[in-house]
Amino acid sequence: MIIIKHRVNSIKEINHKFGIEIDIHNYNNELVLAHDHPNEQCIKLDDFITHVPKNSLVAINIKNEGVEAGLKTILSRSKTTNYFTFDWPVTSLDSAISHDLNCAFRLSEYEKDIIPKCPWVWLDSFNEIWYDSDFLLSLKKSGIKLAIVSPELHNREEDINKVKDIVNAVKVDAICTDIPESWST
């Protein structure tokens, strides 16, 4: 299982032991890294991506629409192939797929639609662990890669052991966490 460090939006936060989750915005016609409000101090994705080890999985959180073509260009130019994108605005997901970007659809207690042509699922649980190992196995059998959001990202540390039990029962592909060391044991 690949451990993805949550919200790595600067070069100094890259840790070669873990995959990374980044947030991208379109700011003045440039793709930049920022979780909330981009500004002129934000690093450009073009510059950042050259510092990411080629074998690291990159989970790219899409923060606004209309970035498909630019993102595809940057990923192609940098030869970045070990990635998936997620949280596309509904109006942009079809376009992202048509640009041949690796996309994930989100499943949560609120979102239940499986989106064809997406090789990944971003499996979230905002209020409780709503899935079980049987559900995850059914997704895996259909060929979908699983990226689980660790419960501490929603201030639910008490659910980590339950998720670890499920992860140990299913060959989960990745987990996104703020505490990667706790998942590497």
N, C-alpha and C. Protein backbone atom coordinates (compact mmCIF):
# COMPACT_ATOMS: atom_id res chain seq x y z
N MET A 1 0.84 -1.18 0.00
CA MET A 1 0.00 0.00 0.00
C MET A 1 0.89 1.24 0.00
N ILE A 2 0.52 2.20 -0.83
CA ILE A 2 1.25 3.45 -0.90
C ILE A 2 0.65 4.42 0.13
N ILE A 3 1.53 5.03 0.91
CA ILE A 3 1.10 6.02 1.89
C ILE A 3 1.28 7.38 1.25
N ILE A 4 0.19 8.13 1.18
CA ILE A 4 0.19 9.47 0.58
C ILE A 4 0.17 10.50 1.69
N LYS A 5 1.18 11.36 1.71
CA LYS A 5 1.21 12.47 2.68
C LYS A 5 0.25 13.55 2.20
N HIS A 6 -0.68 13.90 3.07
CA HIS A 6 -1.72 14.88 2.76
C HIS A 6 -1.15 16.29 2.68
N ARG A 7 -1.61 17.04 1.69
CA ARG A 7 -1.36 18.47 1.53
C ARG A 7 0.13 18.83 1.51
N VAL A 8 0.81 18.30 0.52
CA VAL A 8 2.23 18.62 0.31
C VAL A 8 2.29 19.69 -0.78
N ASN A 9 2.20 20.93 -0.38
CA ASN A 9 2.11 22.02 -1.35
C ASN A 9 3.37 22.88 -1.41
N SER A 10 4.49 22.31 -0.97
CA SER A 10 5.77 22.99 -1.11
C SER A 10 6.86 21.94 -1.32
N ILE A 11 7.94 22.35 -1.94
CA ILE A 11 9.03 21.42 -2.24
C ILE A 11 9.63 20.86 -0.95
N LYS A 12 9.78 21.69 0.08
CA LYS A 12 10.41 21.23 1.33
C LYS A 12 9.59 20.14 2.03
N GLU A 13 8.31 20.00 1.70
CA GLU A 13 7.47 18.98 2.33
C GLU A 13 7.56 17.61 1.64
N ILE A 14 8.21 17.53 0.49
CA ILE A 14 8.33 16.26 -0.21
C ILE A 14 9.20 15.31 0.60
N ASN A 15 8.68 14.12 0.86
CA ASN A 15 9.42 13.07 1.56
C ASN A 15 9.47 11.88 0.61
N HIS A 16 10.65 11.47 0.24
CA HIS A 16 10.81 10.42 -0.77
C HIS A 16 10.23 9.07 -0.34
N LYS A 17 9.90 8.92 0.95
CA LYS A 17 9.32 7.66 1.43
C LYS A 17 7.84 7.54 1.12
N PHE A 18 7.19 8.67 0.83
CA PHE A 18 5.73 8.67 0.70
C PHE A 18 5.28 9.28 -0.62
N GLY A 19 4.07 8.89 -1.04
CA GLY A 19 3.41 9.59 -2.11
C GLY A 19 2.96 10.94 -1.59
N ILE A 20 2.43 11.77 -2.47
CA ILE A 20 2.02 13.11 -2.04
C ILE A 20 0.65 13.47 -2.60
N GLU A 21 -0.09 14.24 -1.83
CA GLU A 21 -1.35 14.83 -2.28
C GLU A 21 -1.10 16.32 -2.38
N ILE A 22 -1.43 16.88 -3.54
CA ILE A 22 -1.25 18.31 -3.78
C ILE A 22 -2.58 18.93 -4.19
N ASP A 23 -2.68 20.23 -4.01
CA ASP A 23 -3.88 20.99 -4.39
C ASP A 23 -3.48 21.97 -5.48
N ILE A 24 -4.19 21.94 -6.60
CA ILE A 24 -3.83 22.87 -7.67
C ILE A 24 -4.99 23.80 -8.02
N HIS A 25 -4.60 25.02 -8.30
CA HIS A 25 -5.52 26.09 -8.74
C HIS A 25 -4.99 26.69 -10.02
N ASN A 26 -5.90 27.29 -10.77
CA ASN A 26 -5.50 28.16 -11.87
C ASN A 26 -5.39 29.57 -11.29
N TYR A 27 -4.21 30.15 -11.37
CA TYR A 27 -3.99 31.50 -10.87
C TYR A 27 -3.25 32.29 -11.94
N ASN A 28 -3.88 33.30 -12.48
CA ASN A 28 -3.30 34.12 -13.56
C ASN A 28 -2.81 33.25 -14.72
N ASN A 29 -3.65 32.29 -15.10
CA ASN A 29 -3.36 31.38 -16.22
C ASN A 29 -2.16 30.48 -15.99
N GLU A 30 -1.81 30.23 -14.74
CA GLU A 30 -0.76 29.29 -14.37
C GLU A 30 -1.35 28.31 -13.37
N LEU A 31 -0.95 27.04 -13.44
CA LEU A 31 -1.36 26.08 -12.43
C LEU A 31 -0.39 26.19 -11.27
N VAL A 32 -0.93 26.48 -10.08
CA VAL A 32 -0.11 26.66 -8.88
C VAL A 32 -0.63 25.77 -7.76
N LEU A 33 0.24 25.54 -6.77
CA LEU A 33 -0.13 24.75 -5.61
C LEU A 33 -0.61 25.65 -4.50
N ALA A 34 -1.81 25.39 -4.01
CA ALA A 34 -2.38 26.12 -2.87
C ALA A 34 -3.63 25.38 -2.43
N HIS A 35 -3.80 25.24 -1.14
CA HIS A 35 -5.02 24.58 -0.66
C HIS A 35 -6.21 25.54 -0.72
N ASP A 36 -6.02 26.74 -0.25
CA ASP A 36 -7.15 27.66 -0.18
C ASP A 36 -7.07 28.73 -1.26
N HIS A 37 -6.50 29.85 -0.95
CA HIS A 37 -6.51 30.98 -1.88
C HIS A 37 -5.14 31.17 -2.50
N PRO A 38 -5.01 30.95 -3.80
CA PRO A 38 -3.69 31.12 -4.43
C PRO A 38 -3.29 32.59 -4.50
N ASN A 39 -1.99 32.80 -4.54
CA ASN A 39 -1.46 34.15 -4.68
C ASN A 39 -0.13 34.09 -5.42
N GLU A 40 0.53 35.21 -5.57
CA GLU A 40 1.76 35.26 -6.36
C GLU A 40 2.93 34.52 -5.69
N GLN A 41 2.82 34.18 -4.40
CA GLN A 41 3.87 33.42 -3.72
C GLN A 41 3.77 31.91 -3.96
N CYS A 42 2.67 31.45 -4.51
CA CYS A 42 2.47 30.01 -4.72
C CYS A 42 3.45 29.48 -5.76
N ILE A 43 3.93 28.26 -5.51
CA ILE A 43 4.82 27.63 -6.46
C ILE A 43 4.02 27.13 -7.67
N LYS A 44 4.60 27.27 -8.83
CA LYS A 44 3.96 26.78 -10.05
C LYS A 44 4.11 25.26 -10.12
N LEU A 45 3.05 24.60 -10.56
CA LEU A 45 3.09 23.15 -10.71
C LEU A 45 4.24 22.73 -11.61
N ASP A 46 4.46 23.48 -12.68
CA ASP A 46 5.58 23.22 -13.60
C ASP A 46 6.91 23.10 -12.86
N ASP A 47 7.16 23.98 -11.91
CA ASP A 47 8.40 23.96 -11.14
C ASP A 47 8.39 22.86 -10.09
N PHE A 48 7.28 22.73 -9.38
CA PHE A 48 7.16 21.76 -8.30
C PHE A 48 7.36 20.33 -8.80
N ILE A 49 6.71 19.99 -9.89
CA ILE A 49 6.67 18.59 -10.34
C ILE A 49 8.06 18.06 -10.68
N THR A 50 9.00 18.93 -11.01
CA THR A 50 10.36 18.48 -11.33
C THR A 50 11.09 17.98 -10.08
N HIS A 51 10.61 18.30 -8.89
CA HIS A 51 11.23 17.86 -7.63
C HIS A 51 10.63 16.58 -7.08
N VAL A 52 9.56 16.10 -7.69
CA VAL A 52 8.88 14.90 -7.20
C VAL A 52 9.58 13.67 -7.78
N PRO A 53 9.99 12.72 -6.92
CA PRO A 53 10.62 11.51 -7.44
C PRO A 53 9.69 10.79 -8.42
N LYS A 54 10.25 10.27 -9.50
CA LYS A 54 9.44 9.66 -10.56
C LYS A 54 8.61 8.49 -10.06
N ASN A 55 9.06 7.79 -9.03
CA ASN A 55 8.30 6.63 -8.54
C ASN A 55 7.24 7.00 -7.51
N SER A 56 7.16 8.27 -7.10
CA SER A 56 6.18 8.69 -6.10
C SER A 56 4.79 8.83 -6.73
N LEU A 57 3.79 8.31 -6.03
CA LEU A 57 2.41 8.52 -6.46
C LEU A 57 2.00 9.94 -6.09
N VAL A 58 1.40 10.64 -7.06
CA VAL A 58 0.94 12.01 -6.84
C VAL A 58 -0.59 12.02 -6.98
N ALA A 59 -1.26 12.39 -5.89
CA ALA A 59 -2.72 12.56 -5.90
C ALA A 59 -2.97 14.06 -6.06
N ILE A 60 -3.63 14.43 -7.15
CA ILE A 60 -3.77 15.84 -7.50
C ILE A 60 -5.22 16.28 -7.26
N ASN A 61 -5.40 17.11 -6.24
CA ASN A 61 -6.71 17.62 -5.88
C ASN A 61 -7.00 18.85 -6.74
N ILE A 62 -8.02 18.76 -7.56
CA ILE A 62 -8.38 19.81 -8.50
C ILE A 62 -9.27 20.82 -7.77
N LYS A 63 -8.85 22.08 -7.73
CA LYS A 63 -9.58 23.10 -6.98
C LYS A 63 -10.47 23.99 -7.84
N ASN A 64 -10.30 23.97 -9.18
CA ASN A 64 -11.23 24.73 -10.02
C ASN A 64 -11.27 24.14 -11.42
N GLU A 65 -12.23 24.58 -12.20
CA GLU A 65 -12.43 23.98 -13.51
C GLU A 65 -11.57 24.66 -14.58
N GLY A 66 -11.50 23.98 -15.72
CA GLY A 66 -10.78 24.53 -16.85
C GLY A 66 -9.28 24.30 -16.85
N VAL A 67 -8.81 23.35 -16.05
CA VAL A 67 -7.36 23.13 -15.94
C VAL A 67 -6.90 21.88 -16.70
N GLU A 68 -7.81 21.21 -17.37
CA GLU A 68 -7.51 19.91 -17.97
C GLU A 68 -6.35 19.96 -18.95
N ALA A 69 -6.43 20.82 -19.94
CA ALA A 69 -5.41 20.87 -20.99
C ALA A 69 -4.05 21.27 -20.41
N GLY A 70 -4.03 22.28 -19.56
CA GLY A 70 -2.78 22.72 -18.96
C GLY A 70 -2.16 21.65 -18.08
N LEU A 71 -2.99 20.96 -17.32
CA LEU A 71 -2.49 19.88 -16.45
C LEU A 71 -1.91 18.75 -17.28
N LYS A 72 -2.63 18.35 -18.32
CA LYS A 72 -2.13 17.28 -19.19
C LYS A 72 -0.78 17.68 -19.81
N THR A 73 -0.65 18.91 -20.24
CA THR A 73 0.61 19.38 -20.83
C THR A 73 1.75 19.28 -19.82
N ILE A 74 1.53 19.76 -18.60
CA ILE A 74 2.58 19.73 -17.58
C ILE A 74 2.96 18.30 -17.23
N LEU A 75 1.98 17.44 -17.04
CA LEU A 75 2.27 16.05 -16.68
C LEU A 75 3.01 15.34 -17.81
N SER A 76 2.61 15.59 -19.04
CA SER A 76 3.29 14.97 -20.19
C SER A 76 4.72 15.47 -20.33
N ARG A 77 4.90 16.78 -20.25
CA ARG A 77 6.23 17.38 -20.39
C ARG A 77 7.19 16.87 -19.31
N SER A 78 6.69 16.68 -18.09
CA SER A 78 7.54 16.22 -16.99
C SER A 78 7.62 14.70 -16.92
N LYS A 79 6.93 14.02 -17.84
CA LYS A 79 6.89 12.55 -17.87
C LYS A 79 6.37 11.96 -16.55
N THR A 80 5.43 12.66 -15.95
CA THR A 80 4.79 12.18 -14.73
C THR A 80 3.66 11.24 -15.12
N THR A 81 3.79 9.97 -14.74
CA THR A 81 2.77 8.98 -15.10
C THR A 81 2.13 8.32 -13.88
N ASN A 82 2.78 8.40 -12.72
CA ASN A 82 2.27 7.75 -11.51
C ASN A 82 1.45 8.77 -10.70
N TYR A 83 0.22 8.99 -11.14
CA TYR A 83 -0.62 10.02 -10.52
C TYR A 83 -2.08 9.67 -10.74
N PHE A 84 -2.93 10.32 -9.98
CA PHE A 84 -4.35 10.40 -10.31
C PHE A 84 -4.86 11.76 -9.85
N THR A 85 -5.92 12.22 -10.50
CA THR A 85 -6.56 13.49 -10.18
C THR A 85 -7.89 13.20 -9.51
N PHE A 86 -8.34 14.12 -8.66
CA PHE A 86 -9.64 13.90 -8.01
C PHE A 86 -10.27 15.23 -7.63
N ASP A 87 -11.52 15.14 -7.23
CA ASP A 87 -12.35 16.30 -6.85
C ASP A 87 -12.61 17.24 -8.01
N TRP A 88 -12.71 16.69 -9.21
CA TRP A 88 -13.06 17.51 -10.37
C TRP A 88 -14.46 18.09 -10.20
N PRO A 89 -14.66 19.35 -10.57
CA PRO A 89 -16.04 19.83 -10.69
C PRO A 89 -16.76 18.93 -11.70
N VAL A 90 -18.01 18.65 -11.45
CA VAL A 90 -18.78 17.74 -12.31
C VAL A 90 -18.67 18.15 -13.78
N THR A 91 -18.68 19.44 -14.03
CA THR A 91 -18.65 19.93 -15.40
C THR A 91 -17.31 19.67 -16.09
N SER A 92 -16.28 19.36 -15.33
CA SER A 92 -14.94 19.16 -15.91
C SER A 92 -14.49 17.70 -15.97
N LEU A 93 -15.15 16.82 -15.25
CA LEU A 93 -14.68 15.43 -15.19
C LEU A 93 -14.67 14.77 -16.56
N ASP A 94 -15.73 14.92 -17.34
CA ASP A 94 -15.75 14.33 -18.69
C ASP A 94 -14.62 14.87 -19.55
N SER A 95 -14.36 16.17 -19.43
CA SER A 95 -13.27 16.78 -20.19
C SER A 95 -11.92 16.23 -19.73
N ALA A 96 -11.75 16.05 -18.44
CA ALA A 96 -10.50 15.48 -17.92
C ALA A 96 -10.28 14.07 -18.45
N ILE A 97 -11.34 13.28 -18.47
CA ILE A 97 -11.24 11.92 -19.02
C ILE A 97 -10.89 11.98 -20.50
N SER A 98 -11.51 12.89 -21.24
CA SER A 98 -11.22 12.99 -22.67
C SER A 98 -9.80 13.50 -22.93
N HIS A 99 -9.20 14.20 -21.98
CA HIS A 99 -7.80 14.63 -22.08
C HIS A 99 -6.86 13.51 -21.64
N ASP A 100 -7.41 12.33 -21.37
CA ASP A 100 -6.63 11.15 -20.99
C ASP A 100 -5.88 11.34 -19.69
N LEU A 101 -6.50 12.06 -18.75
CA LEU A 101 -5.94 12.21 -17.41
C LEU A 101 -6.43 11.05 -16.54
N ASN A 102 -5.58 10.56 -15.66
CA ASN A 102 -5.98 9.51 -14.71
C ASN A 102 -6.86 10.16 -13.65
N CYS A 103 -8.12 9.80 -13.64
CA CYS A 103 -9.08 10.43 -12.74
C CYS A 103 -9.58 9.45 -11.69
N ALA A 104 -9.91 10.01 -10.54
CA ALA A 104 -10.59 9.26 -9.50
C ALA A 104 -11.96 9.90 -9.28
N PHE A 105 -12.94 9.08 -8.97
CA PHE A 105 -14.23 9.60 -8.54
C PHE A 105 -14.28 9.43 -7.03
N ARG A 106 -15.07 10.27 -6.38
CA ARG A 106 -15.18 10.20 -4.92
C ARG A 106 -16.40 9.35 -4.55
N LEU A 107 -16.19 8.49 -3.55
CA LEU A 107 -17.28 7.80 -2.89
C LEU A 107 -17.23 8.19 -1.42
N SER A 108 -18.38 8.48 -0.86
CA SER A 108 -18.49 8.81 0.56
C SER A 108 -19.89 8.45 1.01
N GLU A 109 -20.19 8.76 2.25
CA GLU A 109 -21.56 8.51 2.70
C GLU A 109 -22.56 9.39 1.97
N TYR A 110 -22.08 10.41 1.25
CA TYR A 110 -22.94 11.31 0.50
C TYR A 110 -22.87 11.11 -1.01
N GLU A 111 -21.79 10.56 -1.49
CA GLU A 111 -21.56 10.39 -2.93
C GLU A 111 -21.44 8.90 -3.24
N LYS A 112 -22.34 8.38 -4.04
CA LYS A 112 -22.41 6.93 -4.26
C LYS A 112 -22.27 6.52 -5.72
N ASP A 113 -22.09 7.48 -6.63
CA ASP A 113 -22.05 7.14 -8.05
C ASP A 113 -20.66 6.69 -8.48
N ILE A 114 -20.62 5.50 -9.06
CA ILE A 114 -19.37 5.00 -9.65
C ILE A 114 -19.29 5.56 -11.06
N ILE A 115 -18.18 6.21 -11.37
CA ILE A 115 -18.01 6.89 -12.65
C ILE A 115 -17.17 6.02 -13.57
N PRO A 116 -17.74 5.56 -14.69
CA PRO A 116 -16.96 4.76 -15.63
C PRO A 116 -15.76 5.54 -16.16
N LYS A 117 -14.76 4.82 -16.57
CA LYS A 117 -13.53 5.35 -17.17
C LYS A 117 -12.60 6.01 -16.16
N CYS A 118 -12.92 5.94 -14.88
CA CYS A 118 -12.01 6.43 -13.84
C CYS A 118 -11.31 5.21 -13.24
N PRO A 119 -9.99 5.15 -13.33
CA PRO A 119 -9.28 3.98 -12.80
C PRO A 119 -9.13 3.98 -11.28
N TRP A 120 -9.39 5.11 -10.62
CA TRP A 120 -9.23 5.23 -9.17
C TRP A 120 -10.54 5.67 -8.52
N VAL A 121 -10.68 5.33 -7.24
CA VAL A 121 -11.72 5.89 -6.39
C VAL A 121 -11.05 6.54 -5.19
N TRP A 122 -11.52 7.74 -4.84
CA TRP A 122 -11.09 8.46 -3.64
C TRP A 122 -12.18 8.17 -2.61
N LEU A 123 -11.88 7.30 -1.67
CA LEU A 123 -12.88 6.78 -0.74
C LEU A 123 -12.83 7.58 0.56
N ASP A 124 -13.85 8.37 0.78
CA ASP A 124 -13.86 9.29 1.91
C ASP A 124 -14.95 8.88 2.90
N SER A 125 -14.78 9.31 4.13
CA SER A 125 -15.79 9.07 5.17
C SER A 125 -15.77 10.29 6.09
N PHE A 126 -16.71 11.18 5.88
CA PHE A 126 -16.72 12.45 6.58
C PHE A 126 -17.15 12.32 8.05
N ASN A 127 -18.12 11.43 8.31
CA ASN A 127 -18.67 11.33 9.66
C ASN A 127 -18.51 9.97 10.31
N GLU A 128 -18.39 8.94 9.49
CA GLU A 128 -18.24 7.58 10.02
C GLU A 128 -17.70 6.68 8.93
N ILE A 129 -17.15 5.54 9.33
CA ILE A 129 -16.68 4.56 8.36
C ILE A 129 -17.91 3.82 7.85
N TRP A 130 -18.31 4.14 6.65
CA TRP A 130 -19.56 3.62 6.07
C TRP A 130 -19.33 2.39 5.20
N TYR A 131 -18.08 2.12 4.84
CA TYR A 131 -17.74 0.98 3.96
C TYR A 131 -17.17 -0.16 4.79
N ASP A 132 -17.14 -1.33 4.17
CA ASP A 132 -16.52 -2.48 4.81
C ASP A 132 -15.63 -3.19 3.80
N SER A 133 -14.97 -4.25 4.23
CA SER A 133 -14.04 -4.95 3.35
C SER A 133 -14.74 -5.59 2.15
N ASP A 134 -15.96 -6.07 2.33
CA ASP A 134 -16.69 -6.66 1.20
C ASP A 134 -16.95 -5.62 0.11
N PHE A 135 -17.33 -4.42 0.50
CA PHE A 135 -17.57 -3.35 -0.47
C PHE A 135 -16.29 -3.01 -1.22
N LEU A 136 -15.19 -2.88 -0.48
CA LEU A 136 -13.91 -2.56 -1.12
C LEU A 136 -13.46 -3.68 -2.05
N LEU A 137 -13.66 -4.92 -1.64
CA LEU A 137 -13.30 -6.04 -2.51
C LEU A 137 -14.11 -6.03 -3.81
N SER A 138 -15.38 -5.63 -3.73
CA SER A 138 -16.19 -5.56 -4.95
C SER A 138 -15.65 -4.50 -5.90
N LEU A 139 -15.17 -3.38 -5.36
CA LEU A 139 -14.55 -2.35 -6.20
C LEU A 139 -13.26 -2.87 -6.83
N LYS A 140 -12.44 -3.53 -6.03
CA LYS A 140 -11.17 -4.08 -6.53
C LYS A 140 -11.43 -5.09 -7.65
N LYS A 141 -12.43 -5.93 -7.48
CA LYS A 141 -12.74 -6.95 -8.49
C LYS A 141 -13.17 -6.33 -9.81
N SER A 142 -13.70 -5.12 -9.75
CA SER A 142 -14.09 -4.43 -10.99
C SER A 142 -12.92 -3.69 -11.63
N GLY A 143 -11.73 -3.79 -11.02
CA GLY A 143 -10.54 -3.20 -11.60
C GLY A 143 -10.22 -1.80 -11.14
N ILE A 144 -10.93 -1.30 -10.14
CA ILE A 144 -10.72 0.07 -9.65
C ILE A 144 -9.66 0.06 -8.55
N LYS A 145 -8.74 1.01 -8.63
CA LYS A 145 -7.73 1.19 -7.58
C LYS A 145 -8.34 2.01 -6.45
N LEU A 146 -7.97 1.66 -5.22
CA LEU A 146 -8.56 2.28 -4.04
C LEU A 146 -7.60 3.21 -3.33
N ALA A 147 -8.00 4.46 -3.16
CA ALA A 147 -7.28 5.43 -2.33
C ALA A 147 -8.23 5.84 -1.21
N ILE A 148 -7.85 5.51 0.02
CA ILE A 148 -8.71 5.79 1.18
C ILE A 148 -8.21 7.04 1.89
N VAL A 149 -9.15 7.85 2.32
CA VAL A 149 -8.85 9.02 3.14
C VAL A 149 -8.84 8.57 4.59
N SER A 150 -7.70 8.74 5.26
CA SER A 150 -7.58 8.35 6.66
C SER A 150 -8.49 9.21 7.53
N PRO A 151 -9.14 8.61 8.53
CA PRO A 151 -10.14 9.35 9.31
C PRO A 151 -9.61 10.54 10.10
N GLU A 152 -8.30 10.60 10.38
CA GLU A 152 -7.82 11.76 11.13
C GLU A 152 -7.91 13.04 10.32
N LEU A 153 -8.03 12.93 8.99
CA LEU A 153 -8.21 14.13 8.18
C LEU A 153 -9.55 14.80 8.45
N HIS A 154 -10.46 14.06 9.09
CA HIS A 154 -11.76 14.60 9.50
C HIS A 154 -11.89 14.59 11.02
N ASN A 155 -10.75 14.66 11.70
CA ASN A 155 -10.71 14.73 13.17
C ASN A 155 -11.36 13.53 13.85
N ARG A 156 -11.15 12.34 13.26
CA ARG A 156 -11.72 11.13 13.85
C ARG A 156 -10.61 10.08 14.06
N GLU A 157 -9.65 10.42 14.89
CA GLU A 157 -8.54 9.52 15.17
C GLU A 157 -9.03 8.19 15.74
N GLU A 158 -10.17 8.21 16.43
CA GLU A 158 -10.69 6.99 17.05
C GLU A 158 -11.08 5.92 16.02
N ASP A 159 -11.22 6.31 14.75
CA ASP A 159 -11.60 5.34 13.71
C ASP A 159 -10.40 4.75 12.96
N ILE A 160 -9.20 5.18 13.29
CA ILE A 160 -8.02 4.71 12.56
C ILE A 160 -7.87 3.19 12.64
N ASN A 161 -8.03 2.61 13.82
CA ASN A 161 -7.85 1.15 13.94
C ASN A 161 -8.89 0.39 13.14
N LYS A 162 -10.11 0.89 13.08
CA LYS A 162 -11.14 0.24 12.27
C LYS A 162 -10.73 0.25 10.79
N VAL A 163 -10.21 1.40 10.32
CA VAL A 163 -9.77 1.48 8.93
C VAL A 163 -8.56 0.58 8.71
N LYS A 164 -7.66 0.52 9.67
CA LYS A 164 -6.50 -0.37 9.53
C LYS A 164 -6.94 -1.83 9.39
N ASP A 165 -7.95 -2.24 10.15
CA ASP A 165 -8.47 -3.60 10.03
C ASP A 165 -9.01 -3.86 8.62
N ILE A 166 -9.75 -2.91 8.08
CA ILE A 166 -10.29 -3.05 6.72
C ILE A 166 -9.16 -3.07 5.70
N VAL A 167 -8.20 -2.15 5.85
CA VAL A 167 -7.07 -2.08 4.92
C VAL A 167 -6.28 -3.39 4.95
N ASN A 168 -6.12 -3.99 6.11
CA ASN A 168 -5.39 -5.25 6.22
C ASN A 168 -6.15 -6.41 5.58
N ALA A 169 -7.47 -6.30 5.49
CA ALA A 169 -8.28 -7.37 4.89
C ALA A 169 -8.38 -7.23 3.37
N VAL A 170 -8.09 -6.06 2.85
CA VAL A 170 -8.23 -5.78 1.42
C VAL A 170 -6.91 -5.19 0.94
N LYS A 171 -6.52 -5.52 -0.26
CA LYS A 171 -5.29 -4.94 -0.81
C LYS A 171 -5.60 -3.53 -1.32
N VAL A 172 -5.63 -2.58 -0.40
CA VAL A 172 -5.88 -1.19 -0.73
C VAL A 172 -4.63 -0.64 -1.42
N ASP A 173 -4.82 0.19 -2.43
CA ASP A 173 -3.69 0.71 -3.19
C ASP A 173 -3.00 1.87 -2.51
N ALA A 174 -3.76 2.74 -1.81
CA ALA A 174 -3.17 3.92 -1.21
C ALA A 174 -4.03 4.43 -0.06
N ILE A 175 -3.39 5.11 0.87
CA ILE A 175 -4.11 5.81 1.94
C ILE A 175 -3.52 7.20 2.06
N CYS A 176 -4.38 8.21 2.17
CA CYS A 176 -3.96 9.60 2.32
C CYS A 176 -4.09 9.98 3.78
N THR A 177 -3.00 10.52 4.35
CA THR A 177 -2.96 10.76 5.79
C THR A 177 -2.07 11.95 6.14
N ASP A 178 -2.35 12.54 7.30
CA ASP A 178 -1.47 13.56 7.87
C ASP A 178 -0.38 12.93 8.73
N ILE A 179 -0.55 11.65 9.06
CA ILE A 179 0.42 10.97 9.93
C ILE A 179 0.93 9.70 9.24
N PRO A 180 1.73 9.88 8.18
CA PRO A 180 2.17 8.73 7.39
C PRO A 180 2.96 7.70 8.19
N GLU A 181 3.69 8.12 9.20
CA GLU A 181 4.48 7.19 10.00
C GLU A 181 3.58 6.15 10.70
N SER A 182 2.37 6.54 11.06
CA SER A 182 1.49 5.60 11.75
C SER A 182 0.94 4.52 10.84
N TRP A 183 1.01 4.76 9.53
CA TRP A 183 0.54 3.77 8.56
C TRP A 183 1.66 2.92 8.00
N SER A 184 2.90 3.28 8.26
CA SER A 184 4.02 2.55 7.66
C SER A 184 4.49 1.40 8.54
N THR A 185 3.81 1.17 9.64
CA THR A 185 4.19 0.03 10.49
C THR A 185 3.26 -1.13 10.28
